[in-house]
Protein backbone atom coordinates (compact mmCIF):
# COMPACT_ATOMS: atom_id res chain seq x y z
CA UNK A 1 0.00 0.00 0.00
CA UNK A 2 1.35 3.38 -0.98
CA UNK A 3 0.90 5.91 1.81
CA UNK A 4 0.44 8.82 -0.59
CA UNK A 5 -2.73 7.18 -1.93
CA UNK A 6 -4.33 7.51 1.54
CA UNK A 7 -3.64 11.23 1.75
CA UNK A 8 -5.57 14.06 0.12
CA UNK A 9 -3.99 17.46 0.66
CA UNK A 10 -5.97 20.52 -0.37
CA UNK A 11 -3.71 23.15 -1.87
CA UNK A 12 -6.30 25.93 -1.54
CA UNK A 13 -7.20 25.08 2.05
CA UNK A 14 -6.61 27.81 4.63
CA UNK A 15 -4.75 25.33 6.83
CA UNK A 16 -1.08 24.89 5.90
CA UNK A 17 0.04 21.75 4.09
CA UNK A 18 2.13 20.65 7.06
CA UNK A 19 -0.90 20.96 9.37
CA UNK A 20 -3.07 19.01 6.92
CA UNK A 21 -0.49 16.27 6.57
CA UNK A 22 -0.05 15.99 10.34
CA UNK A 23 -3.80 15.77 10.91
CA UNK A 24 -4.34 13.14 8.20
CA UNK A 25 -1.43 10.95 9.30
CA UNK A 26 -2.62 11.18 12.91
CA UNK A 27 -6.11 10.05 11.87
CA UNK A 28 -4.75 7.11 9.86
CA UNK A 29 -2.73 5.86 12.81
CA UNK A 30 -5.51 6.42 15.35
CA UNK A 31 -8.07 4.58 13.21
CA UNK A 32 -5.76 1.59 12.74
CA UNK A 33 -5.41 1.93 8.97
CA UNK A 34 -1.69 2.22 9.64
CA UNK A 35 -0.73 -0.48 12.17
CA UNK A 36 1.77 -0.53 14.99
CA UNK A 37 5.29 -1.18 13.73
CA UNK A 38 4.52 -0.02 10.19
CA UNK A 39 7.46 1.68 8.49
CA UNK A 40 6.59 4.93 6.74
CA UNK A 41 8.32 6.40 3.68
CA UNK A 42 11.27 8.67 4.22
CA UNK A 43 10.61 12.39 4.16
CA UNK A 44 12.35 12.64 0.78
CA UNK A 45 10.21 9.88 -0.75
CA UNK A 46 6.88 11.08 0.64
CA UNK A 47 7.53 14.67 -0.33
CA UNK A 48 8.17 13.57 -3.92
CA UNK A 49 5.03 11.42 -4.01
CA UNK A 50 2.88 14.27 -2.62
CA UNK A 51 4.64 17.01 -4.59
CA UNK A 52 5.32 19.06 -1.46
CA UNK A 53 8.50 20.34 0.10
CA UNK A 54 10.57 18.00 2.22
CA UNK A 55 10.27 20.45 5.13
CA UNK A 56 6.49 19.94 5.08
CA UNK A 57 6.87 16.18 5.58
CA UNK A 58 9.67 16.60 8.14
CA UNK A 59 7.52 18.97 10.19
CA UNK A 60 4.61 16.48 10.21
CA UNK A 61 6.85 13.57 11.22
CA UNK A 62 8.47 15.56 14.03
CA UNK A 63 5.08 16.65 15.38
CA UNK A 64 3.75 13.07 15.40
CA UNK A 65 6.93 11.88 17.09
CA UNK A 66 6.44 14.49 19.81
CA UNK A 67 2.86 13.28 20.29
CA UNK A 68 3.98 9.64 20.60
CA UNK A 69 2.54 8.34 17.33
CA UNK A 70 5.91 7.71 15.65
CA UNK A 71 9.44 6.65 16.53
CA UNK A 72 12.03 8.48 14.45
CA UNK A 73 15.72 7.59 14.60
CA UNK A 74 18.59 9.26 12.77
CA UNK A 75 18.97 8.03 9.17
CA UNK A 76 16.06 5.63 9.56
CA UNK A 77 12.54 5.74 8.22
CA UNK A 78 9.78 6.61 10.75
CA UNK A 79 8.05 3.69 12.49
CA UNK A 80 4.54 3.71 14.02
CA UNK A 81 4.80 3.29 17.79
CA UNK A 82 4.38 -0.25 19.16
CA UNK A 83 1.62 0.60 21.67
CA UNK A 84 -0.56 2.50 19.28
CA UNK A 85 -3.29 -0.16 19.08
CA UNK A 86 -3.60 -0.24 22.86
CA UNK A 87 -4.18 3.50 22.89
CA UNK A 88 -6.92 3.53 20.27
CA UNK A 89 -9.95 1.38 19.51
CA UNK A 90 -9.56 -1.09 16.68
CA UNK A 91 -11.23 -0.29 13.32
CA UNK A 92 -14.94 -0.95 13.45
CA UNK A 93 -14.95 -1.75 17.17
CA UNK A 94 -17.69 -0.01 19.14
CA UNK A 95 -16.31 2.20 21.89
CA UNK A 96 -16.71 0.72 25.32
CA UNK A 97 -19.43 2.29 27.43
CA UNK A 98 -17.89 3.44 30.65
CA UNK A 99 -19.95 3.28 33.78
CA UNK A 100 -20.92 6.80 34.80
CA UNK A 101 -19.77 7.24 38.36
CA UNK A 102 -20.75 9.99 40.71
CA UNK A 103 -17.90 12.44 41.23
CA UNK A 104 -16.22 12.59 44.62
CA UNK A 105 -17.51 15.77 46.24
CA UNK A 106 -17.25 17.52 49.57
CA UNK A 107 -20.08 17.13 52.07
CA UNK A 108 -21.04 20.74 51.35
CA UNK A 109 -21.20 20.21 47.58
CA UNK A 110 -23.38 17.13 48.04
CA UNK A 111 -26.01 19.35 49.68
CA UNK A 112 -26.09 21.96 46.92
CA UNK A 113 -29.41 22.52 45.25
CA UNK A 114 -30.61 24.89 42.56
CA UNK A 115 -33.43 25.90 44.87
CA UNK A 116 -30.93 28.41 46.28
CA UNK A 117 -30.30 29.91 42.86
CA UNK A 118 -32.63 28.43 40.23
CA UNK A 119 -30.67 27.73 37.06
CA UNK A 120 -33.31 26.23 34.81
CA UNK A 121 -34.84 29.49 33.62
CA UNK A 122 -32.28 32.19 34.42
CA UNK A 123 -30.97 32.42 30.86
CA UNK A 124 -34.12 34.37 29.97
CA UNK A 125 -34.83 37.84 31.32
CA UNK A 126 -38.51 37.86 32.21
CA UNK A 127 -40.86 39.68 34.56
CA UNK A 128 -41.11 39.58 37.56
CA UNK A 129 -37.63 38.40 38.47
CA UNK A 130 -36.65 39.75 41.87
CA UNK A 131 -33.45 41.39 43.09
CA UNK A 132 -32.60 43.16 39.83
CA UNK A 133 -32.02 46.81 39.09
CA UNK A 134 -33.33 48.21 35.81
CA UNK A 135 -30.26 48.30 33.57
CA UNK A 136 -32.28 50.13 30.91
CA UNK A 137 -32.42 53.21 33.16
CA UNK A 138 -28.72 53.21 33.97
CA UNK A 139 -26.55 56.02 32.48
CA UNK A 140 -24.38 53.71 30.39
CA UNK A 141 -22.74 56.52 28.41
CA UNK A 142 -21.54 58.24 31.56
CA UNK A 143 -20.31 54.96 33.00
CA UNK A 144 -18.49 54.17 29.75
CA UNK A 145 -16.65 57.50 29.99
CA UNK A 146 -15.60 56.69 33.55
CA UNK A 147 -14.31 53.29 32.45
CA UNK A 148 -12.44 54.76 29.51
CA UNK A 149 -10.86 57.42 31.69
CA UNK A 150 -9.77 54.74 34.14
CA UNK A 151 -8.33 52.50 31.41
CA UNK A 152 -6.28 55.35 29.94
CA UNK A 153 -4.61 56.29 33.18
CA UNK A 154 -1.01 55.19 33.65
CA UNK A 155 -0.88 54.84 37.40
CA UNK A 156 -1.63 51.19 38.03
CA UNK A 157 1.96 50.06 38.49
CA UNK A 158 1.47 49.05 42.11
CA UNK A 159 -0.76 46.02 41.67
CA UNK A 160 -0.28 45.04 45.32
CA UNK A 161 -2.89 47.63 46.30
CA UNK A 162 -6.03 45.54 45.79
CA UNK A 163 -8.36 47.95 47.62
CA UNK A 164 -7.96 51.31 45.89
CA UNK A 165 -7.59 54.09 48.50
CA UNK A 166 -9.62 56.51 46.38
CA UNK A 167 -12.68 54.26 46.34
CA UNK A 168 -12.28 53.39 50.00
CA UNK A 169 -12.36 57.07 50.89
CA UNK A 170 -15.32 57.79 48.61
CA UNK A 171 -17.25 54.89 50.16
CA UNK A 172 -16.38 55.96 53.70
CA UNK A 173 -17.80 59.44 53.08
CA UNK A 174 -20.90 58.14 51.29
CA UNK A 175 -21.73 55.49 53.90
CA UNK A 176 -21.29 57.88 56.80
CA UNK A 177 -23.65 60.46 55.33
CA UNK A 178 -26.28 58.17 53.79
CA UNK A 179 -26.27 55.11 56.05
CA UNK A 180 -24.74 56.26 59.35
CA UNK A 181 -21.80 53.86 59.07
CA UNK A 182 -18.77 54.82 61.16
CA UNK A 183 -15.40 53.56 59.85
CA UNK A 184 -12.00 54.54 58.60
CA UNK A 185 -11.12 54.00 54.97
CA UNK A 186 -8.76 51.13 55.74
CA UNK A 187 -11.66 49.17 57.28
CA UNK A 188 -13.35 48.93 53.86
CA UNK A 189 -12.58 46.00 51.55
CA UNK A 190 -13.59 46.11 47.89
CA UNK A 191 -14.72 42.72 46.59
CA UNK A 192 -15.91 41.24 43.27
CA UNK A 193 -19.44 40.68 44.61
CA UNK A 194 -21.46 40.72 47.81
CA UNK A 195 -21.38 36.92 47.81
CA UNK A 196 -17.57 37.12 47.79
CA UNK A 197 -17.80 39.13 51.00
CA UNK A 198 -19.81 36.34 52.62
CA UNK A 199 -17.22 33.81 51.44
CA UNK A 200 -14.46 35.94 52.96
CA UNK A 201 -16.30 36.27 56.27
CA UNK A 202 -16.99 32.55 56.45
CA UNK A 203 -13.38 31.65 55.71
CA UNK A 204 -12.03 34.14 58.26
CA UNK A 205 -14.20 33.86 61.36
CA UNK A 206 -16.05 30.52 61.15
CA UNK A 207 -14.63 27.16 62.23
CA UNK A 208 -16.32 23.81 61.54
CA UNK A 209 -19.14 23.22 64.00
CA UNK A 210 -19.66 26.89 64.88
CA UNK A 211 -23.28 27.92 65.30
CA UNK A 212 -24.53 30.58 62.87
CA UNK A 213 -27.95 32.21 63.06
CA UNK A 214 -29.62 33.35 59.86
CA UNK A 215 -33.09 34.69 59.17
CA UNK A 216 -35.76 32.14 58.25
CA UNK A 217 -36.95 32.71 55.60
CA UNK A 218 -33.88 34.53 54.43
CA UNK A 219 -31.19 34.97 51.84
CA UNK A 220 -30.03 31.47 50.79
CA UNK A 221 -26.61 32.64 49.62
CA UNK A 222 -25.63 33.44 53.20
CA UNK A 223 -26.49 29.96 54.47
CA UNK A 224 -24.61 28.44 51.51
CA UNK A 225 -21.43 30.42 52.30
CA UNK A 226 -21.52 29.57 56.00
CA UNK A 227 -22.23 25.88 55.41
CA UNK A 228 -19.25 25.74 53.07
CA UNK A 229 -17.09 26.70 56.05
CA UNK A 230 -18.59 23.88 58.11
CA UNK A 231 -20.96 26.00 60.20
CA UNK A 232 -24.06 24.66 61.90
CA UNK A 233 -26.60 27.02 60.34
CA UNK A 234 -29.71 27.64 62.45
CA UNK A 235 -32.75 29.39 60.97
CA UNK A 236 -34.29 32.03 63.25
CA UNK A 237 -37.97 32.80 62.79
CA UNK A 238 -39.28 36.27 62.04
CA UNK A 239 -42.00 38.39 63.54
CA UNK A 240 -43.38 41.71 62.32
CA UNK A 241 -40.11 43.39 63.31
CA UNK A 242 -37.76 40.92 61.65
CA UNK A 243 -35.35 38.47 63.23
CA UNK A 244 -36.24 37.34 66.75
CA UNK A 245 -33.75 36.55 69.48
CA UNK A 246 -33.40 32.89 70.50
CA UNK A 247 -32.70 33.03 74.23
CA UNK A 248 -32.79 29.27 74.74
CA UNK A 249 -30.16 28.47 72.10
CA UNK A 250 -26.40 28.44 72.60
CA UNK A 251 -24.65 31.67 71.74
CA UNK A 252 -23.74 31.68 68.04
CA UNK A 253 -20.40 32.50 66.52
CA UNK A 254 -22.13 34.69 63.95
CA UNK A 255 -25.53 36.25 63.30
CA UNK A 256 -26.55 37.15 59.74
CA UNK A 257 -29.30 39.71 59.33
CA UNK A 258 -30.81 42.12 56.77
CA UNK A 259 -32.30 44.79 59.09
CA UNK A 260 -32.84 47.60 56.57
CA UNK A 261 -35.14 45.50 54.34
CA UNK A 262 -35.41 41.93 55.53
CA UNK A 263 -34.94 39.49 52.68
CA UNK A 264 -37.48 38.50 51.43
CA UNK A 265 -40.25 40.25 53.44
CA UNK A 266 -38.88 43.79 53.23
CA UNK A 267 -39.61 44.43 56.93
CA UNK A 268 -37.57 47.09 58.69
CA UNK A 269 -36.00 46.20 62.04
CA UNK A 270 -36.73 48.94 64.62
CA UNK A 271 -34.07 50.40 66.90
CA UNK A 272 -35.28 48.45 69.94
CA UNK A 273 -34.85 45.14 68.13
CA UNK A 274 -31.45 46.23 66.79
CA UNK A 275 -30.30 47.08 70.31
CA UNK A 276 -31.52 43.68 71.51
CA UNK A 277 -29.62 41.96 68.71
CA UNK A 278 -26.42 43.81 69.60
CA UNK A 279 -26.86 42.78 73.22
CA UNK A 280 -27.03 39.13 72.12
CA UNK A 281 -23.59 39.41 70.50
CA UNK A 282 -20.91 39.25 73.18
CA UNK A 283 -17.82 41.27 72.16
CA UNK A 284 -15.08 38.99 70.88
CA UNK A 285 -17.37 35.95 70.83
CA UNK A 286 -20.22 36.67 68.41
CA UNK A 287 -20.03 38.59 65.15
CA UNK A 288 -22.99 40.19 63.40
CA UNK A 289 -23.09 40.44 59.60
CA UNK A 290 -25.39 43.25 58.46
CA UNK A 291 -26.31 42.82 54.79
CA UNK A 292 -27.55 46.19 53.53
CA UNK A 293 -28.03 44.95 49.98
CA UNK A 294 -30.61 47.55 48.85
CA UNK A 295 -30.62 50.12 51.65
CA UNK A 296 -30.49 52.97 49.13
CA UNK A 297 -34.12 52.38 48.19
CA UNK A 298 -36.45 53.42 51.01
CA UNK A 299 -39.68 55.11 49.94
CA UNK A 300 -42.10 55.91 52.76
CA UNK A 301 -39.86 57.66 55.30
CA UNK A 302 -36.24 58.43 55.95
CA UNK A 303 -34.16 55.23 55.96
CA UNK A 304 -33.10 53.99 59.37
CA UNK A 305 -29.34 54.25 60.05
CA UNK A 306 -27.31 51.08 59.74
CA UNK A 307 -26.97 48.66 62.63
CA UNK A 308 -23.21 49.13 62.32
CA UNK A 309 -23.59 52.76 63.43
CA UNK A 310 -25.13 51.64 66.72
CA UNK A 311 -22.31 49.22 67.49
CA UNK A 312 -19.76 50.51 70.00
CA UNK A 313 -17.94 47.20 70.57
CA UNK A 314 -16.71 46.37 67.05
CA UNK A 315 -19.02 43.40 66.54
CA UNK A 316 -20.71 44.28 63.21
CA UNK A 317 -19.42 43.57 59.71
CA UNK A 318 -21.37 45.74 57.26
CA UNK A 319 -21.93 44.41 53.74
CA UNK A 320 -23.09 46.36 50.69
CA UNK A 321 -23.13 46.13 46.91
CA UNK A 322 -23.26 48.34 43.83
CA UNK A 323 -25.20 45.66 41.94
CA UNK A 324 -28.56 46.87 43.28
CA UNK A 325 -27.94 50.62 43.28
CA UNK A 326 -26.40 50.61 39.79
CA UNK A 327 -26.69 47.49 37.62
CA UNK A 328 -26.02 43.80 38.18
CA UNK A 329 -23.03 43.56 35.82
CA UNK A 330 -20.99 46.03 37.92
CA UNK A 331 -20.06 43.03 40.11
CA UNK A 332 -18.58 45.09 42.95
CA UNK A 333 -19.38 44.62 46.60
CA UNK A 334 -17.81 46.06 49.72
CA UNK A 335 -17.33 45.03 53.31
CA UNK A 336 -16.79 47.32 56.30
CA UNK A 337 -15.02 45.33 59.00
CA UNK A 338 -14.22 46.14 62.64
CA UNK A 339 -10.68 47.49 63.26
CA UNK A 340 -9.69 44.25 65.01
CA UNK A 341 -10.36 42.27 61.80
CA UNK A 342 -9.15 44.73 59.16
CA UNK A 343 -5.60 43.49 58.64
CA UNK A 344 -6.43 39.79 58.90
CA UNK A 345 -9.32 40.02 56.48
CA UNK A 346 -7.34 41.96 53.91
CA UNK A 347 -4.64 39.27 53.99
CA UNK A 348 -7.34 36.59 53.67
CA UNK A 349 -8.84 38.52 50.77
CA UNK A 350 -5.55 38.23 48.88
CA UNK A 351 -5.08 34.54 49.69
CA UNK A 352 -8.59 33.72 48.46
CA UNK A 353 -8.21 35.83 45.32
CA UNK A 354 -11.32 37.89 46.09
CA UNK A 355 -9.99 40.93 44.26
CA UNK A 356 -12.08 43.37 42.25
CA UNK A 357 -10.94 44.93 38.99
CA UNK A 358 -8.67 47.92 39.59
CA UNK A 359 -10.06 49.69 36.53
CA UNK A 360 -13.64 49.29 37.72
CA UNK A 361 -12.69 50.52 41.19
CA UNK A 362 -11.17 53.69 39.71
CA UNK A 363 -14.17 54.19 37.42
CA UNK A 364 -16.50 53.88 40.41
CA UNK A 365 -14.48 56.50 42.25
CA UNK A 366 -14.99 58.94 39.38
CA UNK A 367 -18.68 58.01 39.05
CA UNK A 368 -19.20 58.85 42.73
CA UNK A 369 -16.95 61.92 42.83
CA UNK A 370 -18.70 63.50 39.84
CA UNK A 371 -22.10 63.10 41.51
CA UNK A 372 -23.47 60.54 39.06
CA UNK A 373 -23.99 57.80 41.65
CA UNK A 374 -26.16 59.87 43.99
CA UNK A 375 -28.08 61.37 41.06
CA UNK A 376 -28.83 57.89 39.71
CA UNK A 377 -29.90 56.56 43.12
CA UNK A 378 -32.25 59.51 43.70
CA UNK A 379 -33.81 59.07 40.26
CA UNK A 380 -34.27 55.31 40.64
CA UNK A 381 -35.75 55.77 44.11
CA UNK A 382 -38.60 57.75 42.56
CA UNK A 383 -39.05 55.26 39.71
CA UNK A 384 -38.98 52.17 41.92
CA UNK A 385 -41.53 53.62 44.32
CA UNK A 386 -44.00 54.10 41.45
CA UNK A 387 -43.36 50.55 40.25
CA UNK A 388 -43.86 49.12 43.75
CA UNK A 389 -47.22 50.86 44.06
CA UNK A 390 -48.22 49.79 40.55
CA UNK A 391 -47.48 46.13 41.32
CA UNK A 392 -49.39 46.26 44.62
CA UNK A 393 -52.40 47.85 42.90
CA UNK A 394 -52.35 45.31 40.07
CA UNK A 395 -52.24 42.40 42.52
CA UNK A 396 -55.16 43.88 44.48
CA UNK A 397 -57.15 44.35 41.27
CA UNK A 398 -56.61 40.92 39.73
CA UNK A 399 -55.60 38.51 42.50
CA UNK A 400 -57.08 39.80 45.76
CA UNK A 401 -59.18 36.64 46.39
CA UNK A 402 -56.08 34.49 46.19
CA UNK A 403 -53.05 36.55 47.30
CA UNK A 404 -52.29 39.07 50.02
CA UNK A 405 -49.46 41.40 49.06
CA UNK A 406 -47.18 42.84 51.74
CA UNK A 407 -46.12 46.27 50.53
CA UNK A 408 -42.64 46.96 51.91
CA UNK A 409 -41.46 50.45 52.86
CA UNK A 410 -38.46 49.99 50.60
CA UNK A 411 -36.43 47.54 48.57
CA UNK A 412 -36.85 46.07 45.10
CA UNK A 413 -39.37 43.26 45.61
CA UNK A 414 -42.41 42.25 47.61
CA UNK A 415 -44.03 39.04 48.73
CA UNK A 416 -47.62 37.95 48.08
CA UNK A 417 -48.91 35.16 50.34
CA UNK A 418 -51.52 32.59 49.39
CA UNK A 419 -54.59 33.15 51.54
CA UNK A 420 -55.58 29.49 51.57
CA UNK A 421 -52.05 28.27 52.40
CA UNK A 422 -51.74 26.58 49.01
CA UNK A 423 -48.34 25.15 48.11
CA UNK A 424 -46.34 27.71 46.16
CA UNK A 425 -43.91 25.43 44.26
CA UNK A 426 -46.55 24.21 41.80
CA UNK A 427 -47.76 27.74 41.24
CA UNK A 428 -44.22 28.91 40.50
CA UNK A 429 -43.76 26.13 37.95
CA UNK A 430 -46.96 27.14 36.14
CA UNK A 431 -46.07 30.82 36.18
CA UNK A 432 -42.55 30.27 34.89
CA UNK A 433 -43.97 28.15 32.07
CA UNK A 434 -46.34 31.03 31.27
CA UNK A 435 -43.46 33.53 31.12
CA UNK A 436 -43.62 35.15 34.57
CA UNK A 437 -40.51 34.52 36.65
CA UNK A 438 -41.23 34.41 40.37
CA UNK A 439 -39.77 32.57 43.35
CA UNK A 440 -41.54 30.45 45.92
CA UNK A 441 -41.45 31.88 49.43
CA UNK A 442 -41.13 28.35 50.80
CA UNK A 443 -37.88 27.85 48.87
CA UNK A 444 -36.25 30.52 51.05
CA UNK A 445 -36.99 28.69 54.30
CA UNK A 446 -34.14 26.98 56.14
CA UNK A 447 -36.45 24.77 58.20
CA UNK A 448 -39.93 23.48 57.47
CA UNK A 449 -41.66 26.34 55.62
CA UNK A 450 -44.60 27.86 57.43
CA UNK A 451 -45.57 30.40 54.77
CA UNK A 452 -46.34 29.91 51.12
CA UNK A 453 -46.32 32.74 48.67
CA UNK A 454 -44.52 34.40 45.80
CA UNK A 455 -41.50 36.70 45.71
CA UNK A 456 -42.13 39.31 43.03
CA UNK A 457 -39.61 41.83 41.75
CA UNK A 458 -40.76 45.28 40.63
CA UNK A 459 -37.56 47.32 40.28
CA UNK A 460 -36.43 46.03 36.87
CA UNK A 461 -39.86 46.19 35.25
CA UNK A 462 -41.81 49.08 33.77
CA UNK A 463 -45.46 49.62 34.57
CA UNK A 464 -46.78 48.11 31.33
CA UNK A 465 -44.60 45.02 31.89
CA UNK A 466 -45.80 44.68 35.47
CA UNK A 467 -49.44 44.99 34.41
CA UNK A 468 -49.08 42.37 31.69
CA UNK A 469 -47.27 39.99 34.05
CA UNK A 470 -49.96 40.27 36.73
CA UNK A 471 -52.70 39.63 34.15
CA UNK A 472 -50.79 36.51 33.07
CA UNK A 473 -50.58 35.46 36.72
CA UNK A 474 -54.33 35.89 37.11
CA UNK A 475 -55.05 33.87 33.97
CA UNK A 476 -52.67 31.14 35.08
CA UNK A 477 -53.68 30.89 38.75
CA UNK A 478 -57.44 31.47 38.55
CA UNK A 479 -58.19 30.08 35.14
CA UNK A 480 -60.05 33.26 34.27
CA UNK A 481 -58.96 35.79 31.71
CA UNK A 482 -57.99 39.01 33.52
CA UNK A 483 -59.31 42.28 32.17
CA UNK A 484 -56.85 44.95 31.16
CA UNK A 485 -56.30 47.78 33.57
């Protein structure tokens, strides 16, 4: 058999002749058409038979030798490697079906579920997904100028500074004025997301077996981060004022709370309850994580100052994010830590690689310094309030016999409870299939869920979109066609 007869080089092909020859020879050996121990023509002979340069053939032979297909000795013709048939299936033989085995995972990974973050329908952007800012209202042109200005600067030589001093200082001033947070700039860590801040906290202060209290129902990402560190996560029930104190339980290592707008109910924790919560956290023994994820958006009164501002013992770690106030793809969060933790947590931040883009940090500094951030927040506060009221009115108009909406004083979402206690998971499945993206209230419970309802986002959706979504909900849940209005 003449080897050249098995090869078909395309002279006009974009791939070089050497690459074509290498690929075709590799395929012939792998398929078994050229057997182990077969002696191939010399580079001079094959080049003449194919009418190509000798260098083309030499390059192909050398590449296949490097990959283990050929053995090439000085002044000898190339030989197909002896073990080639053991490495590849024989011609015509069906590939063996390997038994699919479960991967070896950590105990934490084995407990993961997409009920925490549903993945099945997130590729589509549909009303009434919760927790999203309206990117359509964001000043993208202004933000693009800030990014461009940051990228063109030539002062990023010191890459060891992972938390840009300029943004730390801008955040310190903003948080003190708007949220009543008291801190020095070096207590602020800039992170690639709010969830990264929870990961950092868990890795730094939690040891396996430590008790952690979280709200129930509450933000599932917090429980996921703490469980990953081996914590014993305990869900604490809510009343009308938010998280209750569990006097009979052992003192926790950490308490996670969302006092400004409890997730998902939107309830605001009053000062008396905040003081009680601080009293439950012994200095040096119990830490409190205050997640102020959407504290910028309070509509019915002045926002209550942060829990961190009431703390005089250095027990509170204050967490915030730009993803809600600006747009989700900003991917920047921040963490204000007590002075006793500042150095340790910044070192841990580096070890874990939880480092935000320097260019985005500098762009954010400009965006805040030029007044664009506050102007955008003020504008969106007005818009979101109108959307909240529109959603509440639409639910009352079309679904009052079935759902009771709790209108929160702030935030970006509300919950609507089923009056008859009906299971919410089936309703969510029907609504998602109909094109309305909601979450089941029961899916946010850490223990046995006591309440069933729907978590509905209003911030990212315009009034006409909200109205259409609620009419779809009414059609889907009641079986009756909802009138427009």
